[in-house]
Amino acid sequence: MPNTENKQLLIHSIADEWRKKYHSVKLAGKKLYATVAEECYKITDGSELSEELRSKQEEADTMLLLHAYHAGRNGFTTVVISSDDTDVLVLALAFKSSVPSSVYIKCGTQARTRYIDTTHVVQCHGWCFPGLHAFTACYTVSAFSGKGKMSALRLTKRHVRLRELFQLVSTDWDVSFVLFSRLQEFTCFMYSSRRQ
């Protein structure tokens, strides 16, 4: 659905429908949160606005993290975010320490579903993925010609010094001359490395 206005109308329509009293039987004691523009409704046996989840964020990717944080603060020990979007995974890794519960990313197909444990990823690879993602291609950065994210990821997973490099990229807006030089070295290494 490329038209933003149509998306909003559909979301309003679905939320309005679920807010009707006769749907409370289908929820069977569960809580359903429906975000419509800036407002979020908590739907159980009735409907009420959730001020905690009111937000002006435009991207659904970041809204997911607000909801994960909210779930963790309200006693849920595990949060599962269902998404195949790399940006969602990277954001979940970047904000892992802010969410007071275990966070898993559910991805894949119905026949082959995977659950990625963000805690395990951070323990094994550190905090390098947000920096690596930003450097190798995202909404604001072009991809490297002839090299996908996987080439860079394989190199980074094999070399501790590269993981440390991308942890630095993730921590500061300013790029020092030393960091810039190390990123140039990584780029050369990525293009000169035959075995990736």
Protein backbone atom coordinates (compact mmCIF):
# COMPACT_ATOMS: atom_id res chain seq x y z
CA MET A 1 0.00 0.00 0.00
CA PRO A 2 2.11 2.91 -1.22
CA ASN A 3 -0.41 5.63 -0.28
CA THR A 4 0.19 6.79 3.31
CA GLU A 5 -3.31 8.19 3.68
CA ASN A 6 -4.84 4.84 2.68
CA LYS A 7 -2.64 3.05 5.22
CA GLN A 8 -3.79 5.38 7.98
CA LEU A 9 -7.46 4.90 7.03
CA LEU A 10 -7.04 1.12 7.07
CA ILE A 11 -5.33 1.20 10.48
CA HIS A 12 -8.09 3.48 11.86
CA SER A 13 -10.74 1.14 10.51
CA ILE A 14 -9.12 -1.99 12.02
CA ALA A 15 -8.56 -0.28 15.39
CA ASP A 16 -12.13 1.02 15.47
CA GLU A 17 -13.46 -2.45 14.74
CA TRP A 18 -11.38 -4.13 17.47
CA ARG A 19 -12.47 -1.48 19.97
CA LYS A 20 -16.07 -2.70 19.70
CA LYS A 21 -17.33 -4.52 22.78
CA TYR A 22 -18.17 -7.85 21.10
CA HIS A 23 -14.49 -8.43 20.17
CA SER A 24 -13.49 -8.63 23.85
CA VAL A 25 -14.58 -12.30 23.84
CA LYS A 26 -12.04 -13.05 21.11
CA LEU A 27 -9.25 -11.49 23.16
CA ALA A 28 -9.98 -13.87 26.08
CA GLY A 29 -8.22 -11.80 28.73
CA LYS A 30 -5.34 -10.68 26.48
CA LYS A 31 -4.38 -7.06 25.88
CA LEU A 32 -4.25 -5.71 22.34
CA TYR A 33 -2.50 -2.43 21.63
CA ALA A 34 -3.44 -0.64 18.42
CA THR A 35 -1.39 2.37 17.33
CA VAL A 36 -3.19 4.89 15.16
CA ALA A 37 -1.14 7.93 14.17
CA GLU A 38 0.08 9.44 17.49
CA GLU A 39 -2.38 7.58 19.70
CA CYS A 40 -2.31 4.05 21.01
CA TYR A 41 -5.35 2.21 22.30
CA LYS A 42 -5.25 -0.53 24.90
CA ILE A 43 -8.04 -2.93 24.05
CA THR A 44 -9.17 -5.61 26.53
CA ASP A 45 -12.81 -5.83 27.60
CA GLY A 46 -13.09 -2.18 26.63
CA SER A 47 -10.90 0.43 25.02
CA GLU A 48 -8.80 3.20 26.54
CA LEU A 49 -6.02 5.48 25.38
CA SER A 50 -2.55 4.46 26.52
CA GLU A 51 -0.73 7.69 27.35
CA GLU A 52 2.54 5.78 27.89
CA LEU A 53 2.54 4.68 24.24
CA ARG A 54 1.48 8.00 22.75
CA SER A 55 4.23 9.00 20.33
CA LYS A 56 5.03 11.29 17.42
CA GLN A 57 7.45 8.77 15.90
CA GLU A 58 6.68 8.25 12.24
CA GLU A 59 8.62 5.04 11.65
CA ALA A 60 7.03 1.75 12.71
CA ASP A 61 10.56 0.39 13.29
CA THR A 62 11.15 2.72 16.23
CA MET A 63 7.57 2.36 17.50
CA LEU A 64 8.23 -1.37 17.92
CA LEU A 65 11.00 -0.56 20.39
CA LEU A 66 8.76 1.77 22.36
CA HIS A 67 6.25 -1.08 22.66
CA ALA A 68 9.02 -3.56 23.63
CA TYR A 69 10.20 -1.15 26.33
CA HIS A 70 6.63 -0.71 27.57
CA ALA A 71 6.10 -4.50 27.74
CA GLY A 72 9.34 -4.95 29.69
CA ARG A 73 8.40 -2.22 32.16
CA ASN A 74 5.04 -3.88 32.69
CA GLY A 75 6.42 -7.23 33.81
CA PHE A 76 6.85 -9.19 30.58
CA THR A 77 10.15 -11.05 30.78
CA THR A 78 10.29 -11.85 27.06
CA VAL A 79 9.34 -9.74 24.05
CA VAL A 80 9.14 -11.17 20.53
CA ILE A 81 9.24 -8.70 17.64
CA SER A 82 8.08 -10.24 14.38
CA SER A 83 10.00 -8.62 11.52
CA ASP A 84 12.23 -9.51 8.59
CA ASP A 85 13.53 -5.94 8.38
CA THR A 86 17.26 -5.58 9.04
CA ASP A 87 16.66 -2.10 10.46
CA VAL A 88 14.43 -3.56 13.18
CA LEU A 89 17.11 -6.08 14.15
CA VAL A 90 19.81 -3.40 14.26
CA LEU A 91 17.62 -1.09 16.34
CA ALA A 92 16.78 -3.94 18.73
CA LEU A 93 20.50 -4.62 19.15
CA ALA A 94 21.32 -0.94 19.62
CA PHE A 95 18.64 -0.45 22.27
CA LYS A 96 19.01 -3.86 23.94
CA SER A 97 20.27 -2.36 27.18
CA SER A 98 17.23 -0.03 27.41
CA VAL A 99 14.59 -2.76 27.21
CA PRO A 100 14.16 -4.48 30.61
CA SER A 101 13.35 -7.91 29.18
CA SER A 102 14.75 -10.51 26.78
CA VAL A 103 14.15 -9.46 23.18
CA TYR A 104 13.86 -11.91 20.30
CA ILE A 105 13.38 -11.10 16.63
CA LYS A 106 11.08 -13.56 14.85
CA CYS A 107 11.88 -13.76 11.16
CA GLY A 108 11.68 -16.10 8.19
CA THR A 109 8.78 -17.88 6.56
CA GLN A 110 5.96 -19.97 7.92
CA ALA A 111 7.87 -23.13 6.93
CA ARG A 112 11.21 -21.87 8.29
CA THR A 113 10.90 -19.50 11.24
CA ARG A 114 13.91 -18.31 13.26
CA TYR A 115 14.13 -16.52 16.57
CA ILE A 116 17.17 -14.29 17.01
CA ASP A 117 18.14 -13.71 20.64
CA THR A 118 19.46 -10.14 20.78
CA THR A 119 21.25 -10.82 24.07
CA HIS A 120 23.16 -13.72 22.49
CA VAL A 121 24.10 -11.64 19.43
CA VAL A 122 25.48 -8.84 21.62
CA GLN A 123 27.38 -11.33 23.82
CA CYS A 124 29.00 -12.98 20.78
CA HIS A 125 29.67 -9.94 18.60
CA GLY A 126 29.51 -6.92 20.86
CA TRP A 127 27.76 -3.74 19.86
CA CYS A 128 29.24 -3.55 16.35
CA PHE A 129 26.12 -4.14 14.23
CA PRO A 130 24.61 -0.63 14.33
CA GLY A 131 27.91 0.85 13.14
CA LEU A 132 28.41 -1.86 10.53
CA HIS A 133 24.86 -1.41 9.25
CA ALA A 134 25.24 2.37 9.00
CA PHE A 135 28.57 2.08 7.19
CA THR A 136 27.66 -0.67 4.71
CA ALA A 137 24.24 0.64 3.61
CA CYS A 138 21.07 1.90 5.16
CA TYR A 139 18.50 4.55 4.24
CA THR A 140 21.11 7.31 4.27
CA VAL A 141 24.21 5.48 2.98
CA SER A 142 24.70 3.84 -0.41
CA ALA A 143 25.84 0.22 -0.64
CA PHE A 144 29.36 -0.69 -1.72
CA SER A 145 29.52 -1.64 -5.40
CA GLY A 146 29.74 -5.40 -5.87
CA LYS A 147 29.83 -6.05 -2.13
CA GLY A 148 26.76 -6.81 -0.13
CA LYS A 149 26.29 -6.57 3.59
CA MET A 150 27.18 -10.23 3.96
CA SER A 151 30.77 -9.72 2.76
CA ALA A 152 31.31 -7.03 5.38
CA LEU A 153 29.51 -9.07 8.03
CA ARG A 154 31.65 -12.18 7.41
CA LEU A 155 34.84 -10.14 7.70
CA THR A 156 33.64 -8.43 10.85
CA LYS A 157 32.63 -11.70 12.50
CA ARG A 158 36.11 -13.16 11.80
CA HIS A 159 38.19 -10.25 13.09
CA VAL A 160 37.89 -8.83 16.60
CA ARG A 161 39.60 -5.59 15.56
CA LEU A 162 36.83 -4.98 13.00
CA ARG A 163 34.13 -5.56 15.60
CA GLU A 164 35.90 -3.02 17.81
CA LEU A 165 36.08 -0.62 14.85
CA PHE A 166 32.32 -0.70 14.25
CA GLN A 167 31.60 -0.37 17.95
CA LEU A 168 33.43 2.97 17.69
CA VAL A 169 31.28 3.97 14.71
CA SER A 170 28.20 3.30 16.86
CA THR A 171 29.24 5.56 19.74
CA ASP A 172 29.94 9.02 18.36
CA TRP A 173 28.55 11.36 15.72
CA ASP A 174 31.98 12.85 15.06
CA VAL A 175 34.41 10.83 12.99
CA SER A 176 37.99 11.39 14.04
CA PHE A 177 40.85 11.22 11.55
CA VAL A 178 41.98 7.91 13.12
CA LEU A 179 38.50 6.39 12.83
CA PHE A 180 38.20 7.65 9.24
CA SER A 181 41.56 6.04 8.38
CA ARG A 182 40.53 2.73 9.95
CA LEU A 183 37.27 2.76 7.96
CA GLN A 184 39.27 3.34 4.77
CA GLU A 185 41.45 0.35 5.69
CA PHE A 186 38.34 -1.77 6.23
CA THR A 187 36.98 -0.77 2.81
CA CYS A 188 40.27 -1.69 1.12
CA PHE A 189 40.39 -4.94 3.08
CA MET A 190 36.84 -5.77 2.02
CA TYR A 191 37.68 -5.29 -1.68
CA SER A 192 41.09 -6.99 -1.55
CA SER A 193 40.03 -9.99 0.51
CA ARG A 194 39.44 -12.96 -1.77
CA ARG A 195 38.08 -15.35 0.81
CA GLN A 196 35.05 -13.87 2.48
